[in-house]
Amino acid sequence: MFKHVLALIALSVAVTLFMTYTQQAVELLLAVHEWVSQLLSDVFSSGNAGSIARGLIALLSVPLLVGLIPALIYYAVKRDFFPYFMEIVWIVWLIQAGALVVKAVA
């Protein structure tokens, strides 16, 4: 538990020190989400069901694509499955979902 507290403190300090870069990363994540959603608007109807399906696929595809990048690099080097793939996907999903909620409220 002590390691987790130290990691939390270290990550909080890093985010605080590099706030402009963190903000740019979240804005890039939201821009990619919006781009995927725009691409999917050609496929799905503009009705309520189509909008929900488009939002769901965009929300799921971006974290999977972000997690796939280090997984492919790891596989190219080690020729083995990346052990932290789902953890990266969950972290990116949580950041993206939080940013989308804040953007919708504001």
N, C-alpha and C. Protein backbone atom coordinates (compact mmCIF):
# COMPACT_ATOMS: atom_id res chain seq x y z
N MET A 1 0.81 -1.18 0.00
CA MET A 1 0.00 0.00 0.00
C MET A 1 0.86 1.26 0.00
N PHE A 2 2.00 1.19 0.65
CA PHE A 2 2.91 2.33 0.70
C PHE A 2 3.40 2.69 -0.71
N LYS A 3 3.64 1.67 -1.53
CA LYS A 3 4.08 1.92 -2.91
C LYS A 3 2.99 2.63 -3.71
N HIS A 4 1.75 2.26 -3.47
CA HIS A 4 0.65 2.90 -4.18
C HIS A 4 0.51 4.37 -3.79
N VAL A 5 0.69 4.66 -2.52
CA VAL A 5 0.62 6.05 -2.07
C VAL A 5 1.76 6.86 -2.67
N LEU A 6 2.95 6.29 -2.69
CA LEU A 6 4.09 6.99 -3.30
C LEU A 6 3.88 7.20 -4.80
N ALA A 7 3.33 6.20 -5.47
CA ALA A 7 3.05 6.34 -6.90
C ALA A 7 1.99 7.42 -7.14
N LEU A 8 0.98 7.46 -6.30
CA LEU A 8 -0.06 8.48 -6.43
C LEU A 8 0.51 9.88 -6.22
N ILE A 9 1.37 10.03 -5.23
CA ILE A 9 2.00 11.33 -4.98
C ILE A 9 2.91 11.71 -6.15
N ALA A 10 3.70 10.76 -6.64
CA ALA A 10 4.60 11.05 -7.75
C ALA A 10 3.84 11.42 -9.02
N LEU A 11 2.76 10.70 -9.31
CA LEU A 11 1.96 11.03 -10.49
C LEU A 11 1.26 12.38 -10.34
N SER A 12 0.81 12.69 -9.14
CA SER A 12 0.17 13.99 -8.90
C SER A 12 1.16 15.13 -9.10
N VAL A 13 2.38 14.95 -8.63
CA VAL A 13 3.42 15.97 -8.83
C VAL A 13 3.73 16.11 -10.32
N ALA A 14 3.83 14.98 -11.03
CA ALA A 14 4.13 15.02 -12.46
C ALA A 14 3.03 15.74 -13.24
N VAL A 15 1.78 15.44 -12.92
CA VAL A 15 0.66 16.09 -13.61
C VAL A 15 0.66 17.59 -13.31
N THR A 16 0.95 17.95 -12.06
CA THR A 16 0.98 19.36 -11.68
C THR A 16 2.09 20.10 -12.40
N LEU A 17 3.27 19.49 -12.47
CA LEU A 17 4.40 20.14 -13.12
C LEU A 17 4.22 20.25 -14.63
N PHE A 18 3.59 19.26 -15.21
CA PHE A 18 3.43 19.23 -16.67
C PHE A 18 1.97 19.42 -17.06
N MET A 19 1.30 20.37 -16.40
CA MET A 19 -0.13 20.60 -16.61
C MET A 19 -0.45 20.98 -18.05
N THR A 20 0.37 21.78 -18.70
CA THR A 20 0.06 22.18 -20.07
C THR A 20 0.14 20.98 -21.01
N TYR A 21 1.11 20.10 -20.79
CA TYR A 21 1.22 18.90 -21.62
C TYR A 21 0.08 17.93 -21.34
N THR A 22 -0.32 17.85 -20.08
CA THR A 22 -1.45 16.99 -19.72
C THR A 22 -2.72 17.51 -20.37
N GLN A 23 -2.91 18.80 -20.35
CA GLN A 23 -4.09 19.40 -20.97
C GLN A 23 -4.08 19.15 -22.48
N GLN A 24 -2.94 19.26 -23.12
CA GLN A 24 -2.85 19.01 -24.55
C GLN A 24 -3.15 17.54 -24.86
N ALA A 25 -2.70 16.63 -24.00
CA ALA A 25 -2.96 15.20 -24.22
C ALA A 25 -4.45 14.90 -24.10
N VAL A 26 -5.13 15.50 -23.14
CA VAL A 26 -6.57 15.28 -22.99
C VAL A 26 -7.32 15.91 -24.16
N GLU A 27 -6.90 17.08 -24.61
CA GLU A 27 -7.53 17.71 -25.77
C GLU A 27 -7.33 16.86 -27.03
N LEU A 28 -6.15 16.27 -27.18
CA LEU A 28 -5.89 15.38 -28.32
C LEU A 28 -6.77 14.14 -28.25
N LEU A 29 -6.92 13.59 -27.05
CA LEU A 29 -7.78 12.43 -26.87
C LEU A 29 -9.23 12.76 -27.25
N LEU A 30 -9.71 13.93 -26.84
CA LEU A 30 -11.07 14.34 -27.20
C LEU A 30 -11.19 14.63 -28.69
N ALA A 31 -10.14 15.17 -29.30
CA ALA A 31 -10.17 15.43 -30.74
C ALA A 31 -10.23 14.13 -31.53
N VAL A 32 -9.49 13.13 -31.09
CA VAL A 32 -9.53 11.83 -31.76
C VAL A 32 -10.92 11.21 -31.59
N HIS A 33 -11.49 11.33 -30.40
CA HIS A 33 -12.84 10.82 -30.17
C HIS A 33 -13.83 11.51 -31.11
N GLU A 34 -13.73 12.81 -31.23
CA GLU A 34 -14.63 13.55 -32.12
C GLU A 34 -14.43 13.15 -33.57
N TRP A 35 -13.18 12.91 -33.97
CA TRP A 35 -12.88 12.49 -35.35
C TRP A 35 -13.50 11.13 -35.64
N VAL A 36 -13.35 10.19 -34.71
CA VAL A 36 -13.94 8.86 -34.89
C VAL A 36 -15.47 8.97 -34.93
N SER A 37 -16.02 9.80 -34.09
CA SER A 37 -17.46 9.99 -34.08
C SER A 37 -17.95 10.59 -35.40
N GLN A 38 -17.19 11.53 -35.95
CA GLN A 38 -17.54 12.11 -37.26
C GLN A 38 -17.47 11.06 -38.36
N LEU A 39 -16.45 10.21 -38.32
CA LEU A 39 -16.35 9.15 -39.33
C LEU A 39 -17.54 8.20 -39.24
N LEU A 40 -17.96 7.90 -38.02
CA LEU A 40 -19.07 6.99 -37.83
C LEU A 40 -20.42 7.61 -38.15
N SER A 41 -20.48 8.93 -38.25
CA SER A 41 -21.75 9.59 -38.56
C SER A 41 -22.21 9.27 -39.98
N ASP A 42 -21.26 8.91 -40.85
CA ASP A 42 -21.64 8.50 -42.21
C ASP A 42 -22.29 7.12 -42.22
N VAL A 43 -21.96 6.30 -41.23
CA VAL A 43 -22.45 4.93 -41.19
C VAL A 43 -23.79 4.84 -40.46
N PHE A 44 -23.92 5.55 -39.35
CA PHE A 44 -25.12 5.46 -38.53
C PHE A 44 -26.08 6.60 -38.83
N SER A 45 -27.35 6.34 -38.59
CA SER A 45 -28.37 7.35 -38.83
C SER A 45 -28.26 8.48 -37.82
N SER A 46 -28.95 9.56 -38.11
CA SER A 46 -28.89 10.71 -37.21
C SER A 46 -29.92 10.63 -36.10
N GLY A 47 -30.64 9.52 -36.02
CA GLY A 47 -31.65 9.36 -34.97
C GLY A 47 -31.01 9.05 -33.63
N ASN A 48 -31.84 8.82 -32.64
CA ASN A 48 -31.38 8.58 -31.28
C ASN A 48 -30.57 7.28 -31.18
N ALA A 49 -31.06 6.21 -31.80
CA ALA A 49 -30.35 4.93 -31.74
C ALA A 49 -29.00 5.01 -32.46
N GLY A 50 -28.97 5.68 -33.59
CA GLY A 50 -27.72 5.84 -34.32
C GLY A 50 -26.71 6.69 -33.56
N SER A 51 -27.20 7.72 -32.90
CA SER A 51 -26.32 8.57 -32.10
C SER A 51 -25.74 7.82 -30.91
N ILE A 52 -26.55 7.00 -30.26
CA ILE A 52 -26.06 6.19 -29.13
C ILE A 52 -25.04 5.18 -29.61
N ALA A 53 -25.31 4.50 -30.72
CA ALA A 53 -24.37 3.51 -31.25
C ALA A 53 -23.06 4.17 -31.66
N ARG A 54 -23.14 5.33 -32.29
CA ARG A 54 -21.93 6.05 -32.71
C ARG A 54 -21.11 6.47 -31.50
N GLY A 55 -21.77 7.00 -30.48
CA GLY A 55 -21.06 7.41 -29.27
C GLY A 55 -20.42 6.24 -28.56
N LEU A 56 -21.13 5.11 -28.50
CA LEU A 56 -20.60 3.92 -27.83
C LEU A 56 -19.38 3.38 -28.56
N ILE A 57 -19.45 3.27 -29.86
CA ILE A 57 -18.31 2.75 -30.63
C ILE A 57 -17.12 3.70 -30.54
N ALA A 58 -17.37 5.00 -30.60
CA ALA A 58 -16.28 5.97 -30.48
C ALA A 58 -15.65 5.91 -29.10
N LEU A 59 -16.48 5.75 -28.07
CA LEU A 59 -15.96 5.68 -26.70
C LEU A 59 -15.14 4.43 -26.47
N LEU A 60 -15.48 3.34 -27.14
CA LEU A 60 -14.74 2.09 -26.96
C LEU A 60 -13.53 1.98 -27.88
N SER A 61 -13.61 2.53 -29.08
CA SER A 61 -12.54 2.32 -30.05
C SER A 61 -11.28 3.13 -29.75
N VAL A 62 -11.42 4.33 -29.24
CA VAL A 62 -10.25 5.18 -28.99
C VAL A 62 -9.33 4.57 -27.93
N PRO A 63 -9.83 4.14 -26.77
CA PRO A 63 -8.91 3.50 -25.81
C PRO A 63 -8.28 2.22 -26.34
N LEU A 64 -9.05 1.45 -27.11
CA LEU A 64 -8.47 0.23 -27.68
C LEU A 64 -7.35 0.56 -28.66
N LEU A 65 -7.54 1.59 -29.47
CA LEU A 65 -6.49 1.98 -30.40
C LEU A 65 -5.26 2.52 -29.68
N VAL A 66 -5.48 3.30 -28.61
CA VAL A 66 -4.36 3.84 -27.84
C VAL A 66 -3.60 2.71 -27.15
N GLY A 67 -4.32 1.73 -26.62
CA GLY A 67 -3.67 0.58 -25.98
C GLY A 67 -2.98 -0.33 -26.97
N LEU A 68 -3.45 -0.33 -28.20
CA LEU A 68 -2.87 -1.20 -29.22
C LEU A 68 -1.48 -0.74 -29.64
N ILE A 69 -1.19 0.55 -29.55
CA ILE A 69 0.11 1.07 -29.96
C ILE A 69 1.25 0.48 -29.14
N PRO A 70 1.24 0.58 -27.80
CA PRO A 70 2.34 -0.04 -27.05
C PRO A 70 2.31 -1.56 -27.14
N ALA A 71 1.12 -2.16 -27.32
CA ALA A 71 1.04 -3.61 -27.44
C ALA A 71 1.74 -4.09 -28.71
N LEU A 72 1.55 -3.36 -29.79
CA LEU A 72 2.22 -3.75 -31.05
C LEU A 72 3.74 -3.55 -30.97
N ILE A 73 4.16 -2.47 -30.33
CA ILE A 73 5.59 -2.25 -30.15
C ILE A 73 6.20 -3.34 -29.28
N TYR A 74 5.51 -3.69 -28.20
CA TYR A 74 5.98 -4.76 -27.31
C TYR A 74 6.05 -6.09 -28.05
N TYR A 75 5.02 -6.36 -28.87
CA TYR A 75 5.02 -7.61 -29.62
C TYR A 75 6.14 -7.64 -30.65
N ALA A 76 6.42 -6.51 -31.27
CA ALA A 76 7.49 -6.46 -32.26
C ALA A 76 8.86 -6.73 -31.63
N VAL A 77 9.03 -6.29 -30.38
CA VAL A 77 10.31 -6.47 -29.70
C VAL A 77 10.41 -7.84 -29.04
N LYS A 78 9.41 -8.22 -28.27
CA LYS A 78 9.46 -9.43 -27.44
C LYS A 78 8.80 -10.65 -28.07
N ARG A 79 7.99 -10.48 -29.08
CA ARG A 79 7.20 -11.56 -29.69
C ARG A 79 6.33 -12.26 -28.66
N ASP A 80 5.70 -11.46 -27.81
CA ASP A 80 4.83 -11.98 -26.77
C ASP A 80 3.71 -10.97 -26.54
N PHE A 81 2.62 -11.42 -25.91
CA PHE A 81 1.49 -10.55 -25.63
C PHE A 81 1.87 -9.51 -24.58
N PHE A 82 1.42 -8.27 -24.79
CA PHE A 82 1.68 -7.18 -23.86
C PHE A 82 0.87 -7.41 -22.58
N PRO A 83 1.53 -7.53 -21.42
CA PRO A 83 0.80 -7.91 -20.20
C PRO A 83 -0.11 -6.83 -19.62
N TYR A 84 0.09 -5.57 -19.95
CA TYR A 84 -0.69 -4.49 -19.35
C TYR A 84 -1.65 -3.83 -20.34
N PHE A 85 -2.04 -4.56 -21.35
CA PHE A 85 -2.91 -4.00 -22.39
C PHE A 85 -4.23 -3.50 -21.82
N MET A 86 -4.92 -4.34 -21.07
CA MET A 86 -6.23 -3.94 -20.55
C MET A 86 -6.14 -2.84 -19.51
N GLU A 87 -5.05 -2.79 -18.76
CA GLU A 87 -4.88 -1.71 -17.79
C GLU A 87 -4.76 -0.37 -18.49
N ILE A 88 -4.01 -0.34 -19.59
CA ILE A 88 -3.88 0.90 -20.37
C ILE A 88 -5.21 1.28 -20.98
N VAL A 89 -5.94 0.31 -21.49
CA VAL A 89 -7.25 0.59 -22.08
C VAL A 89 -8.19 1.17 -21.02
N TRP A 90 -8.21 0.62 -19.82
CA TRP A 90 -9.08 1.13 -18.76
C TRP A 90 -8.67 2.53 -18.35
N ILE A 91 -7.39 2.79 -18.22
CA ILE A 91 -6.94 4.13 -17.82
C ILE A 91 -7.33 5.17 -18.87
N VAL A 92 -7.09 4.85 -20.14
CA VAL A 92 -7.45 5.79 -21.21
C VAL A 92 -8.97 5.97 -21.26
N TRP A 93 -9.72 4.88 -21.07
CA TRP A 93 -11.18 4.97 -21.08
C TRP A 93 -11.67 5.87 -19.95
N LEU A 94 -11.11 5.71 -18.75
CA LEU A 94 -11.53 6.54 -17.62
C LEU A 94 -11.21 8.02 -17.85
N ILE A 95 -10.03 8.30 -18.40
CA ILE A 95 -9.67 9.69 -18.70
C ILE A 95 -10.59 10.26 -19.77
N GLN A 96 -10.83 9.49 -20.81
CA GLN A 96 -11.68 9.96 -21.89
C GLN A 96 -13.12 10.15 -21.42
N ALA A 97 -13.65 9.21 -20.67
CA ALA A 97 -15.03 9.33 -20.19
C ALA A 97 -15.15 10.53 -19.24
N GLY A 98 -14.17 10.70 -18.37
CA GLY A 98 -14.21 11.86 -17.47
C GLY A 98 -14.16 13.18 -18.23
N ALA A 99 -13.30 13.24 -19.23
CA ALA A 99 -13.19 14.47 -20.02
C ALA A 99 -14.47 14.74 -20.81
N LEU A 100 -15.10 13.68 -21.33
CA LEU A 100 -16.35 13.87 -22.05
C LEU A 100 -17.47 14.33 -21.13
N VAL A 101 -17.50 13.81 -19.92
CA VAL A 101 -18.52 14.25 -18.96
C VAL A 101 -18.30 15.71 -18.59
N VAL A 102 -17.06 16.09 -18.34
CA VAL A 102 -16.77 17.49 -18.00
C VAL A 102 -17.09 18.41 -19.17
N LYS A 103 -16.78 17.96 -20.37
CA LYS A 103 -17.07 18.76 -21.56
C LYS A 103 -18.58 18.90 -21.76
N ALA A 104 -19.35 17.86 -21.47
CA ALA A 104 -20.81 17.91 -21.64
C ALA A 104 -21.46 18.82 -20.59
N VAL A 105 -20.90 18.85 -19.41
CA VAL A 105 -21.46 19.67 -18.33
C VAL A 105 -21.15 21.14 -18.56
N ALA A 106 -19.96 21.42 -19.06
CA ALA A 106 -19.52 22.82 -19.21
C ALA A 106 -20.19 23.53 -20.33
